[in-house]
């Protein structure tokens, strides 16, 4: 496969997939205006968005900086998902645990990408 853009990055694809799943979970489990749901959604959206923005800056140093920002947002999302388990029905905990595992995968992938760019 020929690399064409950020859409080809596996970490971007996985973070997009996780963002969609996180948004659906938040909409299902929280009332429309719950502040934790709002923050979870913002964090989830921030991860692939910063990967894309950093890539499009056409500077390796900027890309690395934005990957670090994505990594931070990913840690923020993981924390918020762990916290959310305190506020929702226990039958949703397994689903949230799978989302948390995806944040772990995204974090590892971001770390490896950052290291490969240095």
N, C-alpha and C. Protein backbone atom coordinates (compact mmCIF):
# COMPACT_ATOMS: atom_id res chain seq x y z
N UNK A 1 0.84 -1.19 0.00
CA UNK A 1 0.00 0.00 0.00
C UNK A 1 0.88 1.25 0.00
N UNK A 2 0.53 2.18 -0.82
CA UNK A 2 1.25 3.44 -0.91
C UNK A 2 0.67 4.39 0.13
N UNK A 3 1.55 5.01 0.89
CA UNK A 3 1.13 5.97 1.92
C UNK A 3 0.79 7.29 1.26
N UNK A 4 -0.42 7.77 1.50
CA UNK A 4 -0.87 9.00 0.86
C UNK A 4 -1.13 10.13 1.85
N UNK A 5 -1.52 9.81 3.05
CA UNK A 5 -1.86 10.86 4.01
C UNK A 5 -2.19 10.28 5.36
N UNK A 6 -2.62 11.14 6.26
CA UNK A 6 -2.91 10.70 7.62
C UNK A 6 -3.99 9.63 7.66
N UNK A 7 -4.88 9.62 6.65
CA UNK A 7 -5.93 8.61 6.60
C UNK A 7 -5.38 7.19 6.48
N UNK A 8 -4.14 7.07 6.04
CA UNK A 8 -3.50 5.76 5.90
C UNK A 8 -2.83 5.28 7.19
N UNK A 9 -2.72 6.16 8.18
CA UNK A 9 -2.05 5.78 9.43
C UNK A 9 -2.97 4.89 10.27
N UNK A 10 -2.45 3.74 10.67
CA UNK A 10 -3.25 2.81 11.48
C UNK A 10 -3.70 3.44 12.79
N UNK A 11 -2.86 4.27 13.38
CA UNK A 11 -3.22 4.91 14.64
C UNK A 11 -4.37 5.89 14.44
N UNK A 12 -4.41 6.57 13.31
CA UNK A 12 -5.52 7.47 13.01
C UNK A 12 -6.80 6.66 12.82
N UNK A 13 -6.71 5.56 12.09
CA UNK A 13 -7.88 4.70 11.85
C UNK A 13 -8.43 4.15 13.16
N UNK A 14 -7.55 3.65 14.03
CA UNK A 14 -8.01 3.10 15.30
C UNK A 14 -8.59 4.18 16.20
N UNK A 15 -7.99 5.35 16.21
CA UNK A 15 -8.52 6.43 17.05
C UNK A 15 -9.85 6.93 16.51
N UNK A 16 -10.05 6.91 15.20
CA UNK A 16 -11.35 7.26 14.62
C UNK A 16 -12.41 6.24 15.02
N UNK A 17 -12.06 4.98 14.93
CA UNK A 17 -12.98 3.91 15.32
C UNK A 17 -13.36 4.04 16.79
N UNK A 18 -12.37 4.27 17.63
CA UNK A 18 -12.63 4.42 19.05
C UNK A 18 -13.47 5.66 19.33
N UNK A 19 -13.20 6.74 18.62
CA UNK A 19 -13.99 7.96 18.80
C UNK A 19 -15.47 7.71 18.51
N UNK A 20 -15.74 7.03 17.41
CA UNK A 20 -17.13 6.73 17.07
C UNK A 20 -17.79 5.90 18.17
N UNK A 21 -17.09 4.87 18.63
CA UNK A 21 -17.63 4.00 19.68
C UNK A 21 -17.83 4.77 20.99
N UNK A 22 -16.90 5.64 21.32
CA UNK A 22 -16.99 6.43 22.55
C UNK A 22 -18.18 7.39 22.48
N UNK A 23 -18.35 8.05 21.35
CA UNK A 23 -19.47 8.98 21.19
C UNK A 23 -20.79 8.25 21.34
N UNK A 24 -20.90 7.08 20.71
CA UNK A 24 -22.13 6.29 20.83
C UNK A 24 -22.38 5.87 22.27
N UNK A 25 -21.33 5.44 22.97
CA UNK A 25 -21.46 5.05 24.37
C UNK A 25 -21.92 6.21 25.22
N UNK A 26 -21.31 7.38 25.02
CA UNK A 26 -21.66 8.56 25.82
C UNK A 26 -23.10 8.97 25.55
N UNK A 27 -23.52 8.96 24.30
CA UNK A 27 -24.89 9.36 23.98
C UNK A 27 -25.90 8.37 24.56
N UNK A 28 -25.54 7.11 24.63
CA UNK A 28 -26.44 6.08 25.14
C UNK A 28 -26.54 6.12 26.67
N UNK A 29 -25.43 6.37 27.33
CA UNK A 29 -25.36 6.19 28.78
C UNK A 29 -25.50 7.46 29.61
N UNK A 30 -25.40 8.62 28.99
CA UNK A 30 -25.47 9.87 29.73
C UNK A 30 -26.60 10.72 29.19
N UNK A 31 -27.16 11.53 30.07
CA UNK A 31 -28.16 12.48 29.60
C UNK A 31 -27.49 13.45 28.63
N UNK A 32 -28.28 14.09 27.82
CA UNK A 32 -27.76 14.92 26.74
C UNK A 32 -26.76 15.98 27.20
N UNK A 33 -26.95 16.54 28.38
CA UNK A 33 -26.11 17.65 28.81
C UNK A 33 -25.20 17.30 29.98
N UNK A 34 -24.91 16.04 30.16
CA UNK A 34 -24.03 15.65 31.25
C UNK A 34 -22.61 16.13 30.95
N UNK A 35 -21.98 16.87 31.88
CA UNK A 35 -20.66 17.44 31.59
C UNK A 35 -19.58 16.38 31.34
N UNK A 36 -19.66 15.23 31.99
CA UNK A 36 -18.66 14.18 31.75
C UNK A 36 -18.79 13.65 30.32
N UNK A 37 -20.02 13.45 29.86
CA UNK A 37 -20.22 12.98 28.49
C UNK A 37 -19.65 13.97 27.49
N UNK A 38 -19.88 15.25 27.73
CA UNK A 38 -19.36 16.29 26.86
C UNK A 38 -17.84 16.25 26.81
N UNK A 39 -17.20 16.10 27.95
CA UNK A 39 -15.74 16.07 28.00
C UNK A 39 -15.19 14.80 27.36
N UNK A 40 -15.86 13.67 27.57
CA UNK A 40 -15.44 12.40 26.94
C UNK A 40 -15.47 12.55 25.42
N UNK A 41 -16.54 13.11 24.92
CA UNK A 41 -16.67 13.28 23.46
C UNK A 41 -15.60 14.23 22.93
N UNK A 42 -15.34 15.31 23.63
CA UNK A 42 -14.30 16.27 23.20
C UNK A 42 -12.92 15.60 23.16
N UNK A 43 -12.61 14.82 24.20
CA UNK A 43 -11.31 14.14 24.23
C UNK A 43 -11.19 13.15 23.09
N UNK A 44 -12.25 12.37 22.86
CA UNK A 44 -12.22 11.36 21.80
C UNK A 44 -12.02 11.99 20.43
N UNK A 45 -12.71 13.10 20.19
CA UNK A 45 -12.59 13.79 18.90
C UNK A 45 -11.20 14.40 18.73
N UNK A 46 -10.61 14.84 19.81
CA UNK A 46 -9.31 15.51 19.77
C UNK A 46 -8.18 14.59 19.29
N UNK A 47 -8.27 13.32 19.59
CA UNK A 47 -7.15 12.40 19.28
C UNK A 47 -6.90 12.30 17.78
N UNK A 48 -7.86 11.83 16.97
CA UNK A 48 -7.57 11.75 15.54
C UNK A 48 -7.44 13.13 14.88
N UNK A 49 -8.13 14.13 15.45
CA UNK A 49 -8.04 15.47 14.89
C UNK A 49 -6.63 16.02 14.99
N UNK A 50 -5.96 15.81 16.12
CA UNK A 50 -4.59 16.29 16.28
C UNK A 50 -3.60 15.50 15.46
N UNK A 51 -3.86 14.21 15.27
CA UNK A 51 -3.00 13.42 14.37
C UNK A 51 -3.07 14.03 12.97
N UNK A 52 -4.29 14.29 12.52
CA UNK A 52 -4.48 14.85 11.18
C UNK A 52 -3.88 16.24 11.06
N UNK A 53 -4.15 17.10 12.04
CA UNK A 53 -3.62 18.47 11.97
C UNK A 53 -2.10 18.48 11.97
N UNK A 54 -1.50 17.70 12.84
CA UNK A 54 -0.04 17.65 12.89
C UNK A 54 0.57 17.16 11.60
N UNK A 55 -0.06 16.15 11.01
CA UNK A 55 0.44 15.62 9.74
C UNK A 55 0.40 16.67 8.64
N UNK A 56 -0.68 17.41 8.60
CA UNK A 56 -0.86 18.38 7.53
C UNK A 56 -0.02 19.63 7.69
N UNK A 57 0.66 19.79 8.79
CA UNK A 57 1.55 20.95 8.98
C UNK A 57 2.82 20.83 8.16
N UNK A 58 3.10 19.64 7.64
CA UNK A 58 4.27 19.40 6.79
C UNK A 58 5.59 19.74 7.46
N UNK A 59 5.63 19.52 8.76
CA UNK A 59 6.86 19.71 9.53
C UNK A 59 6.95 18.54 10.51
N UNK A 60 8.09 17.86 10.48
CA UNK A 60 8.26 16.71 11.36
C UNK A 60 8.14 17.12 12.82
N UNK A 61 8.73 18.25 13.19
CA UNK A 61 8.65 18.70 14.59
C UNK A 61 7.21 19.04 15.00
N UNK A 62 6.47 19.68 14.11
CA UNK A 62 5.06 19.97 14.40
C UNK A 62 4.26 18.67 14.51
N UNK A 63 4.53 17.75 13.60
CA UNK A 63 3.82 16.47 13.64
C UNK A 63 4.06 15.76 14.97
N UNK A 64 5.30 15.71 15.40
CA UNK A 64 5.63 15.08 16.68
C UNK A 64 4.92 15.80 17.83
N UNK A 65 4.91 17.12 17.79
CA UNK A 65 4.24 17.90 18.84
C UNK A 65 2.75 17.56 18.90
N UNK A 66 2.11 17.48 17.75
CA UNK A 66 0.68 17.16 17.72
C UNK A 66 0.42 15.70 18.10
N UNK A 67 1.35 14.82 17.81
CA UNK A 67 1.20 13.43 18.26
C UNK A 67 1.27 13.36 19.78
N UNK A 68 2.13 14.17 20.38
CA UNK A 68 2.18 14.24 21.85
C UNK A 68 0.87 14.79 22.41
N UNK A 69 0.30 15.76 21.75
CA UNK A 69 -1.00 16.30 22.18
C UNK A 69 -2.06 15.20 22.08
N UNK A 70 -2.04 14.44 20.99
CA UNK A 70 -2.98 13.32 20.83
C UNK A 70 -2.80 12.30 21.94
N UNK A 71 -1.56 12.03 22.27
CA UNK A 71 -1.25 11.06 23.33
C UNK A 71 -1.82 11.56 24.67
N UNK A 72 -1.69 12.85 24.93
CA UNK A 72 -2.25 13.42 26.15
C UNK A 72 -3.77 13.36 26.17
N UNK A 73 -4.39 13.67 25.04
CA UNK A 73 -5.86 13.57 24.95
C UNK A 73 -6.32 12.13 25.13
N UNK A 74 -5.53 11.20 24.63
CA UNK A 74 -5.86 9.79 24.78
C UNK A 74 -5.83 9.38 26.26
N UNK A 75 -4.83 9.87 26.99
CA UNK A 75 -4.75 9.58 28.43
C UNK A 75 -5.92 10.23 29.16
N UNK A 76 -6.29 11.43 28.74
CA UNK A 76 -7.44 12.12 29.31
C UNK A 76 -8.71 11.30 29.07
N UNK A 77 -8.87 10.79 27.85
CA UNK A 77 -10.03 9.97 27.52
C UNK A 77 -10.07 8.71 28.37
N UNK A 78 -8.92 8.06 28.51
CA UNK A 78 -8.88 6.84 29.32
C UNK A 78 -9.33 7.14 30.76
N UNK A 79 -8.84 8.22 31.32
CA UNK A 79 -9.22 8.61 32.68
C UNK A 79 -10.72 8.85 32.77
N UNK A 80 -11.26 9.55 31.80
CA UNK A 80 -12.69 9.86 31.80
C UNK A 80 -13.54 8.59 31.63
N UNK A 81 -13.06 7.65 30.83
CA UNK A 81 -13.79 6.39 30.68
C UNK A 81 -13.80 5.60 31.99
N UNK A 82 -12.65 5.59 32.66
CA UNK A 82 -12.59 4.90 33.96
C UNK A 82 -13.56 5.57 34.94
N UNK A 83 -13.56 6.89 34.96
CA UNK A 83 -14.46 7.63 35.83
C UNK A 83 -15.92 7.39 35.47
N UNK A 84 -16.20 7.29 34.20
CA UNK A 84 -17.59 7.12 33.77
C UNK A 84 -18.22 5.84 34.29
N UNK A 85 -17.41 4.85 34.58
CA UNK A 85 -17.94 3.59 35.12
C UNK A 85 -18.64 3.80 36.46
N UNK A 86 -18.31 4.88 37.14
CA UNK A 86 -18.95 5.19 38.42
C UNK A 86 -20.37 5.74 38.24
N UNK A 87 -20.70 6.17 37.03
CA UNK A 87 -21.96 6.86 36.79
C UNK A 87 -22.95 6.10 35.93
N UNK A 88 -22.55 4.94 35.43
CA UNK A 88 -23.45 4.23 34.51
C UNK A 88 -23.74 2.82 35.01
N UNK A 89 -24.71 2.20 34.39
CA UNK A 89 -25.12 0.84 34.75
C UNK A 89 -23.96 -0.14 34.57
N UNK A 90 -23.90 -1.10 35.44
CA UNK A 90 -22.80 -2.07 35.38
C UNK A 90 -22.83 -2.93 34.12
N UNK A 91 -23.99 -3.08 33.48
CA UNK A 91 -24.03 -3.87 32.25
C UNK A 91 -23.27 -3.20 31.09
N UNK A 92 -22.94 -1.94 31.23
CA UNK A 92 -22.14 -1.24 30.21
C UNK A 92 -20.65 -1.25 30.51
N UNK A 93 -20.26 -1.77 31.66
CA UNK A 93 -18.85 -1.73 32.06
C UNK A 93 -17.95 -2.52 31.12
N UNK A 94 -18.41 -3.67 30.62
CA UNK A 94 -17.57 -4.45 29.70
C UNK A 94 -17.30 -3.67 28.41
N UNK A 95 -18.29 -2.96 27.94
CA UNK A 95 -18.10 -2.15 26.73
C UNK A 95 -17.09 -1.04 26.99
N UNK A 96 -17.21 -0.41 28.13
CA UNK A 96 -16.27 0.66 28.48
C UNK A 96 -14.87 0.08 28.64
N UNK A 97 -14.77 -1.10 29.24
CA UNK A 97 -13.45 -1.75 29.36
C UNK A 97 -12.82 -1.99 27.99
N UNK A 98 -13.63 -2.34 26.99
CA UNK A 98 -13.07 -2.54 25.64
C UNK A 98 -12.61 -1.21 25.04
N UNK A 99 -13.32 -0.13 25.35
CA UNK A 99 -12.88 1.19 24.89
C UNK A 99 -11.58 1.60 25.57
N UNK A 100 -11.45 1.27 26.84
CA UNK A 100 -10.22 1.57 27.58
C UNK A 100 -9.04 0.80 26.97
N UNK A 101 -9.27 -0.46 26.61
CA UNK A 101 -8.21 -1.25 25.97
C UNK A 101 -7.78 -0.62 24.64
N UNK A 102 -8.74 -0.07 23.91
CA UNK A 102 -8.38 0.61 22.65
C UNK A 102 -7.53 1.85 22.93
N UNK A 103 -7.81 2.56 24.03
CA UNK A 103 -6.96 3.72 24.35
C UNK A 103 -5.54 3.26 24.63
N UNK A 104 -5.39 2.09 25.26
CA UNK A 104 -4.04 1.56 25.50
C UNK A 104 -3.33 1.27 24.18
N UNK A 105 -4.06 0.70 23.23
CA UNK A 105 -3.47 0.41 21.91
C UNK A 105 -3.09 1.70 21.18
N UNK A 106 -3.97 2.68 21.23
CA UNK A 106 -3.68 3.97 20.58
C UNK A 106 -2.44 4.60 21.20
N UNK A 107 -2.33 4.55 22.52
CA UNK A 107 -1.17 5.13 23.20
C UNK A 107 0.12 4.47 22.75
N UNK A 108 0.12 3.16 22.67
CA UNK A 108 1.32 2.43 22.22
C UNK A 108 1.66 2.78 20.78
N UNK A 109 0.65 2.87 19.94
CA UNK A 109 0.88 3.20 18.54
C UNK A 109 1.42 4.62 18.38
N UNK A 110 0.87 5.54 19.14
CA UNK A 110 1.37 6.92 19.10
C UNK A 110 2.82 6.98 19.55
N UNK A 111 3.14 6.27 20.62
CA UNK A 111 4.52 6.25 21.12
C UNK A 111 5.47 5.73 20.04
N UNK A 112 5.10 4.63 19.40
CA UNK A 112 5.95 4.06 18.37
C UNK A 112 6.11 4.99 17.18
N UNK A 113 5.02 5.67 16.80
CA UNK A 113 5.11 6.62 15.70
C UNK A 113 6.01 7.79 16.06
N UNK A 114 5.86 8.30 17.25
CA UNK A 114 6.73 9.41 17.72
C UNK A 114 8.18 8.99 17.68
N UNK A 115 8.48 7.81 18.20
CA UNK A 115 9.86 7.31 18.23
C UNK A 115 10.41 7.14 16.82
N UNK A 116 9.57 6.68 15.90
CA UNK A 116 10.05 6.47 14.52
C UNK A 116 10.34 7.80 13.82
N UNK A 117 9.70 8.87 14.25
CA UNK A 117 9.92 10.18 13.64
C UNK A 117 11.12 10.93 14.23
N UNK A 118 11.55 10.52 15.39
CA UNK A 118 12.67 11.24 16.05
C UNK A 118 13.99 10.92 15.40
